Amino acid sequence: MKAVTYGLIVLLAILHQDFWWWDDSDTLVFGFVPIGLAYHAGISMVAALLWAAAVKFCWPADADAVEEESDFAASAEKAGGRS
Protein backbone atom coordinates (compact mmCIF):
# COMPACT_ATOMS: atom_id res chain seq x y z
CA MET A 1 0.00 0.00 0.00
CA LYS A 2 2.95 2.32 0.64
CA ALA A 3 4.06 2.10 -2.98
CA VAL A 4 0.56 3.00 -4.19
CA THR A 5 0.39 5.94 -1.80
CA TYR A 6 3.82 7.20 -2.86
CA GLY A 7 2.83 6.81 -6.50
CA LEU A 8 -0.35 8.82 -5.93
CA ILE A 9 1.66 11.56 -4.21
CA VAL A 10 3.94 11.80 -7.24
CA LEU A 11 0.93 11.80 -9.59
CA LEU A 12 -0.72 14.54 -7.54
CA ALA A 13 2.46 16.62 -7.69
CA ILE A 14 2.49 16.26 -11.48
CA LEU A 15 -1.22 17.09 -11.81
CA HIS A 16 -0.72 20.15 -9.61
CA GLN A 17 1.21 21.77 -12.48
CA ASP A 18 -1.91 22.67 -14.44
CA PHE A 19 -0.33 24.32 -17.47
CA TRP A 20 -3.43 23.46 -19.55
CA TRP A 21 -5.51 26.09 -17.66
CA TRP A 22 -2.94 28.92 -17.71
CA ASP A 23 -4.32 30.66 -20.80
CA ASP A 24 -8.03 30.09 -20.05
CA SER A 25 -9.37 33.10 -18.20
CA ASP A 26 -12.88 32.99 -19.68
CA THR A 27 -14.19 29.64 -18.40
CA LEU A 28 -16.09 29.89 -15.13
CA VAL A 29 -17.26 27.02 -12.91
CA PHE A 30 -20.68 27.55 -11.28
CA GLY A 31 -20.79 30.84 -13.17
CA PHE A 32 -18.31 32.70 -10.94
CA VAL A 33 -15.24 30.58 -10.07
CA PRO A 34 -12.37 30.67 -12.58
CA ILE A 35 -11.50 27.20 -13.88
CA GLY A 36 -7.92 27.35 -12.54
CA LEU A 37 -9.11 28.19 -9.04
CA ALA A 38 -11.74 25.43 -9.13
CA TYR A 39 -9.08 22.97 -10.32
CA HIS A 40 -6.78 23.89 -7.44
CA ALA A 41 -9.65 23.62 -4.96
CA GLY A 42 -10.25 20.09 -6.25
CA ILE A 43 -6.55 19.26 -6.07
CA SER A 44 -6.51 20.51 -2.47
CA MET A 45 -9.42 18.25 -1.52
CA VAL A 46 -7.77 15.27 -3.18
CA ALA A 47 -4.49 16.08 -1.39
CA ALA A 48 -6.28 16.14 1.98
CA LEU A 49 -7.84 12.74 1.28
CA LEU A 50 -4.52 11.35 0.09
CA TRP A 51 -2.70 12.49 3.23
CA ALA A 52 -5.45 10.99 5.38
CA ALA A 53 -4.99 7.70 3.51
CA ALA A 54 -1.21 7.95 3.90
CA VAL A 55 -1.57 8.35 7.67
CA LYS A 56 -4.05 5.50 7.90
CA PHE A 57 -2.18 3.00 5.73
CA CYS A 58 1.49 4.04 5.93
CA TRP A 59 1.94 5.22 9.51
CA PRO A 60 4.06 2.74 11.50
CA ALA A 61 1.94 0.78 13.93
CA ASP A 62 4.54 0.94 16.70
CA ALA A 63 5.36 4.67 16.41
CA ASP A 64 3.32 5.55 19.49
CA ALA A 65 4.85 2.69 21.50
CA VAL A 66 8.37 3.90 20.68
CA GLU A 67 7.46 7.42 21.82
CA GLU A 68 5.96 6.13 25.08
CA GLU A 69 9.02 3.96 25.68
CA SER A 70 11.40 6.90 25.22
CA ASP A 71 9.24 9.04 27.54
CA PHE A 72 9.39 6.30 30.17
CA ALA A 73 13.18 6.03 29.85
CA ALA A 74 13.57 9.81 30.15
CA SER A 75 11.36 9.99 33.25
CA ALA A 76 13.23 7.07 34.85
CA GLU A 77 16.54 8.82 34.21
CA LYS A 78 15.27 12.02 35.83
CA ALA A 79 14.15 10.04 38.87
CA GLY A 80 17.68 8.79 39.40
CA GLY A 81 17.27 5.43 37.75
CA ARG A 82 14.41 4.37 40.00
CA SER A 83 11.33 3.11 38.24
C-alpha atoms as a PDB file:
ATOM      1  CA  MET A   1       0.000   0.000   0.000  1.00  0.00           C
ATOM      2  CA  LYS A   2       2.945   2.324   0.645  1.00  0.00           C
ATOM      3  CA  ALA A   3       4.061   2.103  -2.980  1.00  0.00           C
ATOM      4  CA  VAL A   4       0.560   2.997  -4.195  1.00  0.00           C
ATOM      5  CA  THR A   5       0.390   5.936  -1.798  1.00  0.00           C
ATOM      6  CA  TYR A   6       3.820   7.203  -2.858  1.00  0.00           C
ATOM      7  CA  GLY A   7       2.831   6.812  -6.503  1.00  0.00           C
ATOM      8  CA  LEU A   8      -0.350   8.817  -5.927  1.00  0.00           C
ATOM      9  CA  ILE A   9       1.656  11.558  -4.207  1.00  0.00           C
ATOM     10  CA  VAL A  10       3.944  11.803  -7.244  1.00  0.00           C
ATOM     11  CA  LEU A  11       0.926  11.799  -9.587  1.00  0.00           C
ATOM     12  CA  LEU A  12      -0.722  14.543  -7.540  1.00  0.00           C
ATOM     13  CA  ALA A  13       2.456  16.624  -7.692  1.00  0.00           C
ATOM     14  CA  ILE A  14       2.488  16.261 -11.478  1.00  0.00           C
ATOM     15  CA  LEU A  15      -1.216  17.095 -11.807  1.00  0.00           C
ATOM     16  CA  HIS A  16      -0.721  20.147  -9.607  1.00  0.00           C
ATOM     17  CA  GLN A  17       1.207  21.773 -12.482  1.00  0.00           C
ATOM     18  CA  ASP A  18      -1.912  22.674 -14.443  1.00  0.00           C
ATOM     19  CA  PHE A  19      -0.331  24.318 -17.471  1.00  0.00           C
ATOM     20  CA  TRP A  20      -3.428  23.460 -19.550  1.00  0.00           C
ATOM     21  CA  TRP A  21      -5.511  26.093 -17.660  1.00  0.00           C
ATOM     22  CA  TRP A  22      -2.944  28.918 -17.713  1.00  0.00           C
ATOM     23  CA  ASP A  23      -4.325  30.656 -20.797  1.00  0.00           C
ATOM     24  CA  ASP A  24      -8.025  30.087 -20.055  1.00  0.00           C
ATOM     25  CA  SER A  25      -9.373  33.099 -18.197  1.00  0.00           C
ATOM     26  CA  ASP A  26     -12.877  32.988 -19.678  1.00  0.00           C
ATOM     27  CA  THR A  27     -14.188  29.640 -18.396  1.00  0.00           C
ATOM     28  CA  LEU A  28     -16.092  29.891 -15.127  1.00  0.00           C
ATOM     29  CA  VAL A  29     -17.264  27.017 -12.913  1.00  0.00           C
ATOM     30  CA  PHE A  30     -20.677  27.554 -11.283  1.00  0.00           C
ATOM     31  CA  GLY A  31     -20.789  30.839 -13.169  1.00  0.00           C
ATOM     32  CA  PHE A  32     -18.314  32.701 -10.939  1.00  0.00           C
ATOM     33  CA  VAL A  33     -15.235  30.575 -10.072  1.00  0.00           C
ATOM     34  CA  PRO A  34     -12.373  30.671 -12.584  1.00  0.00           C
ATOM     35  CA  ILE A  35     -11.498  27.204 -13.879  1.00  0.00           C
ATOM     36  CA  GLY A  36      -7.918  27.353 -12.542  1.00  0.00           C
ATOM     37  CA  LEU A  37      -9.108  28.194  -9.039  1.00  0.00           C
ATOM     38  CA  ALA A  38     -11.736  25.433  -9.130  1.00  0.00           C
ATOM     39  CA  TYR A  39      -9.081  22.973 -10.316  1.00  0.00           C
ATOM     40  CA  HIS A  40      -6.784  23.893  -7.436  1.00  0.00           C
ATOM     41  CA  ALA A  41      -9.652  23.619  -4.958  1.00  0.00           C
ATOM     42  CA  GLY A  42     -10.254  20.094  -6.252  1.00  0.00           C
ATOM     43  CA  ILE A  43      -6.550  19.256  -6.067  1.00  0.00           C
ATOM     44  CA  SER A  44      -6.507  20.508  -2.469  1.00  0.00           C
ATOM     45  CA  MET A  45      -9.425  18.252  -1.521  1.00  0.00           C
ATOM     46  CA  VAL A  46      -7.771  15.265  -3.180  1.00  0.00           C
ATOM     47  CA  ALA A  47      -4.490  16.081  -1.389  1.00  0.00           C
ATOM     48  CA  ALA A  48      -6.275  16.138   1.975  1.00  0.00           C
ATOM     49  CA  LEU A  49      -7.845  12.739   1.278  1.00  0.00           C
ATOM     50  CA  LEU A  50      -4.516  11.351   0.085  1.00  0.00           C
ATOM     51  CA  TRP A  51      -2.695  12.488   3.226  1.00  0.00           C
ATOM     52  CA  ALA A  52      -5.447  10.986   5.384  1.00  0.00           C
ATOM     53  CA  ALA A  53      -4.995   7.696   3.515  1.00  0.00           C
ATOM     54  CA  ALA A  54      -1.209   7.949   3.904  1.00  0.00           C
ATOM     55  CA  VAL A  55      -1.574   8.353   7.668  1.00  0.00           C
ATOM     56  CA  LYS A  56      -4.052   5.496   7.902  1.00  0.00           C
ATOM     57  CA  PHE A  57      -2.182   2.995   5.732  1.00  0.00           C
ATOM     58  CA  CYS A  58       1.489   4.040   5.932  1.00  0.00           C
ATOM     59  CA  TRP A  59       1.938   5.222   9.507  1.00  0.00           C
ATOM     60  CA  PRO A  60       4.062   2.736  11.500  1.00  0.00           C
ATOM     61  CA  ALA A  61       1.940   0.775  13.932  1.00  0.00           C
ATOM     62  CA  ASP A  62       4.537   0.939  16.703  1.00  0.00           C
ATOM     63  CA  ALA A  63       5.362   4.665  16.410  1.00  0.00           C
ATOM     64  CA  ASP A  64       3.324   5.547  19.493  1.00  0.00           C
ATOM     65  CA  ALA A  65       4.847   2.691  21.496  1.00  0.00           C
ATOM     66  CA  VAL A  66       8.368   3.901  20.677  1.00  0.00           C
ATOM     67  CA  GLU A  67       7.465   7.416  21.821  1.00  0.00           C
ATOM     68  CA  GLU A  68       5.959   6.132  25.085  1.00  0.00           C
ATOM     69  CA  GLU A  69       9.020   3.962  25.682  1.00  0.00           C
ATOM     70  CA  SER A  70      11.399   6.898  25.217  1.00  0.00           C
ATOM     71  CA  ASP A  71       9.244   9.040  27.542  1.00  0.00           C
ATOM     72  CA  PHE A  72       9.393   6.297  30.168  1.00  0.00           C
ATOM     73  CA  ALA A  73      13.180   6.033  29.853  1.00  0.00           C
ATOM     74  CA  ALA A  74      13.574   9.813  30.154  1.00  0.00           C
ATOM     75  CA  SER A  75      11.360   9.991  33.249  1.00  0.00           C
ATOM     76  CA  ALA A  76      13.229   7.067  34.849  1.00  0.00           C
ATOM     77  CA  GLU A  77      16.541   8.824  34.214  1.00  0.00           C
ATOM     78  CA  LYS A  78      15.269  12.015  35.825  1.00  0.00           C
ATOM     79  CA  ALA A  79      14.149  10.038  38.872  1.00  0.00           C
ATOM     80  CA  GLY A  80      17.680   8.795  39.401  1.00  0.00           C
ATOM     81  CA  GLY A  81      17.266   5.433  37.751  1.00  0.00           C
ATOM     82  CA  ARG A  82      14.413   4.374  39.996  1.00  0.00           C
ATOM     83  CA  SER A  83      11.330   3.107  38.238  1.00  0.00           C
END
